[in-house]
Amino acid sequence: MSALSKAKGFKKSKSGTYLSIATTAFGAISVIKQAKRARTEQDTLQLVDAVVSAAAIATGLAILYRELKRLGDDDVLLG
């Protein structure tokens, strides 16, 4: 099995999904900082950007959670 095949398999694994969730959640830290800075500077456009970014992160986390549940259901059926 080539390294590329292993990498693609990891992305679809439970541990790969957990890693994706962690990195996506880590991205939320910068969005929170951006929102705080925008509120301090009263920059409406930056605040809107932070809100849209937060919505994208929330959607991404929901999709990853759904994928994690699907992987969990598959494991039960295989076992």
C-alpha atoms as a PDB file:
ATOM      1  CA  MET A   1       0.000   0.000   0.000  1.00  0.00           C
ATOM      2  CA  SER A   2       1.451   3.341  -1.011  1.00  0.00           C
ATOM      3  CA  ALA A   3       1.831   6.290   1.337  1.00  0.00           C
ATOM      4  CA  LEU A   4      -0.838   8.187  -0.603  1.00  0.00           C
ATOM      5  CA  SER A   5      -3.323   5.356  -0.170  1.00  0.00           C
ATOM      6  CA  LYS A   6      -2.598   5.225   3.556  1.00  0.00           C
ATOM      7  CA  ALA A   7      -3.117   8.980   3.834  1.00  0.00           C
ATOM      8  CA  LYS A   8      -6.465   8.788   2.042  1.00  0.00           C
ATOM      9  CA  GLY A   9      -7.517   5.924   4.308  1.00  0.00           C
ATOM     10  CA  PHE A  10      -6.515   7.893   7.405  1.00  0.00           C
ATOM     11  CA  LYS A  11      -8.722  10.784   6.364  1.00  0.00           C
ATOM     12  CA  LYS A  12     -11.741   8.459   6.374  1.00  0.00           C
ATOM     13  CA  SER A  13     -10.805   6.781   9.682  1.00  0.00           C
ATOM     14  CA  LYS A  14     -12.057   7.618  13.164  1.00  0.00           C
ATOM     15  CA  SER A  15      -8.683   8.993  14.228  1.00  0.00           C
ATOM     16  CA  GLY A  16      -8.486  11.095  11.063  1.00  0.00           C
ATOM     17  CA  THR A  17     -11.939  12.489  11.758  1.00  0.00           C
ATOM     18  CA  TYR A  18     -10.970  13.301  15.350  1.00  0.00           C
ATOM     19  CA  LEU A  19      -7.884  15.099  14.052  1.00  0.00           C
ATOM     20  CA  SER A  20     -10.030  17.085  11.611  1.00  0.00           C
ATOM     21  CA  ILE A  21     -12.405  18.037  14.429  1.00  0.00           C
ATOM     22  CA  ALA A  22      -9.477  19.192  16.571  1.00  0.00           C
ATOM     23  CA  THR A  23      -7.909  21.306  13.836  1.00  0.00           C
ATOM     24  CA  THR A  24     -11.265  22.834  12.923  1.00  0.00           C
ATOM     25  CA  ALA A  25     -11.971  23.667  16.571  1.00  0.00           C
ATOM     26  CA  PHE A  26      -8.465  25.136  16.880  1.00  0.00           C
ATOM     27  CA  GLY A  27      -9.365  27.494  14.027  1.00  0.00           C
ATOM     28  CA  ALA A  28     -12.171  28.829  16.195  1.00  0.00           C
ATOM     29  CA  ILE A  29      -9.585  30.447  18.463  1.00  0.00           C
ATOM     30  CA  SER A  30      -8.488  32.856  15.750  1.00  0.00           C
ATOM     31  CA  VAL A  31     -12.110  33.658  14.915  1.00  0.00           C
ATOM     32  CA  ILE A  32     -12.815  34.472  18.567  1.00  0.00           C
ATOM     33  CA  LYS A  33      -9.763  36.777  18.646  1.00  0.00           C
ATOM     34  CA  GLN A  34     -10.907  38.414  15.419  1.00  0.00           C
ATOM     35  CA  ALA A  35     -14.403  39.007  16.845  1.00  0.00           C
ATOM     36  CA  LYS A  36     -13.009  40.516  20.068  1.00  0.00           C
ATOM     37  CA  ARG A  37     -10.690  42.804  18.118  1.00  0.00           C
ATOM     38  CA  ALA A  38     -13.536  43.875  15.813  1.00  0.00           C
ATOM     39  CA  ARG A  39     -15.789  44.687  18.764  1.00  0.00           C
ATOM     40  CA  THR A  40     -13.023  46.662  20.462  1.00  0.00           C
ATOM     41  CA  GLU A  41     -12.327  48.653  17.292  1.00  0.00           C
ATOM     42  CA  GLN A  42     -16.061  48.848  16.474  1.00  0.00           C
ATOM     43  CA  ASP A  43     -15.318  47.480  13.001  1.00  0.00           C
ATOM     44  CA  THR A  44     -18.617  46.136  11.705  1.00  0.00           C
ATOM     45  CA  LEU A  45     -17.167  44.578   8.577  1.00  0.00           C
ATOM     46  CA  GLN A  46     -14.567  42.607  10.561  1.00  0.00           C
ATOM     47  CA  LEU A  47     -17.286  41.501  12.969  1.00  0.00           C
ATOM     48  CA  VAL A  48     -19.468  40.261  10.105  1.00  0.00           C
ATOM     49  CA  ASP A  49     -16.465  38.378   8.739  1.00  0.00           C
ATOM     50  CA  ALA A  50     -15.905  36.757  12.137  1.00  0.00           C
ATOM     51  CA  VAL A  51     -19.562  35.732  12.384  1.00  0.00           C
ATOM     52  CA  VAL A  52     -19.513  34.192   8.905  1.00  0.00           C
ATOM     53  CA  SER A  53     -16.275  32.363   9.737  1.00  0.00           C
ATOM     54  CA  ALA A  54     -17.791  31.080  12.977  1.00  0.00           C
ATOM     55  CA  ALA A  55     -20.805  29.784  11.051  1.00  0.00           C
ATOM     56  CA  ALA A  56     -18.488  27.988   8.635  1.00  0.00           C
ATOM     57  CA  ILE A  57     -16.594  26.398  11.531  1.00  0.00           C
ATOM     58  CA  ALA A  58     -19.835  25.306  13.195  1.00  0.00           C
ATOM     59  CA  THR A  59     -21.057  23.762   9.951  1.00  0.00           C
ATOM     60  CA  GLY A  60     -17.734  21.989   9.432  1.00  0.00           C
ATOM     61  CA  LEU A  61     -17.813  20.584  12.957  1.00  0.00           C
ATOM     62  CA  ALA A  62     -21.385  19.357  12.436  1.00  0.00           C
ATOM     63  CA  ILE A  63     -20.399  17.592   9.219  1.00  0.00           C
ATOM     64  CA  LEU A  64     -17.382  15.991  10.891  1.00  0.00           C
ATOM     65  CA  TYR A  65     -19.537  14.880  13.841  1.00  0.00           C
ATOM     66  CA  ARG A  66     -22.000  13.285  11.424  1.00  0.00           C
ATOM     67  CA  GLU A  67     -19.124  11.492   9.697  1.00  0.00           C
ATOM     68  CA  LEU A  68     -17.844  10.289  13.073  1.00  0.00           C
ATOM     69  CA  LYS A  69     -21.276   8.907  13.945  1.00  0.00           C
ATOM     70  CA  ARG A  70     -21.442   7.156  10.564  1.00  0.00           C
ATOM     71  CA  LEU A  71     -18.035   5.601  11.129  1.00  0.00           C
ATOM     72  CA  GLY A  72     -19.157   4.466  14.576  1.00  0.00           C
ATOM     73  CA  ASP A  73     -22.274   2.848  13.134  1.00  0.00           C
ATOM     74  CA  ASP A  74     -20.168   1.011  10.546  1.00  0.00           C
ATOM     75  CA  ASP A  75     -17.863  -0.319  13.266  1.00  0.00           C
ATOM     76  CA  VAL A  76     -20.814  -1.757  15.180  1.00  0.00           C
ATOM     77  CA  LEU A  77     -22.108  -3.514  12.090  1.00  0.00           C
ATOM     78  CA  LEU A  78     -18.709  -4.980  11.288  1.00  0.00           C
ATOM     79  CA  GLY A  79     -18.104  -6.233  14.836  1.00  0.00           C
END
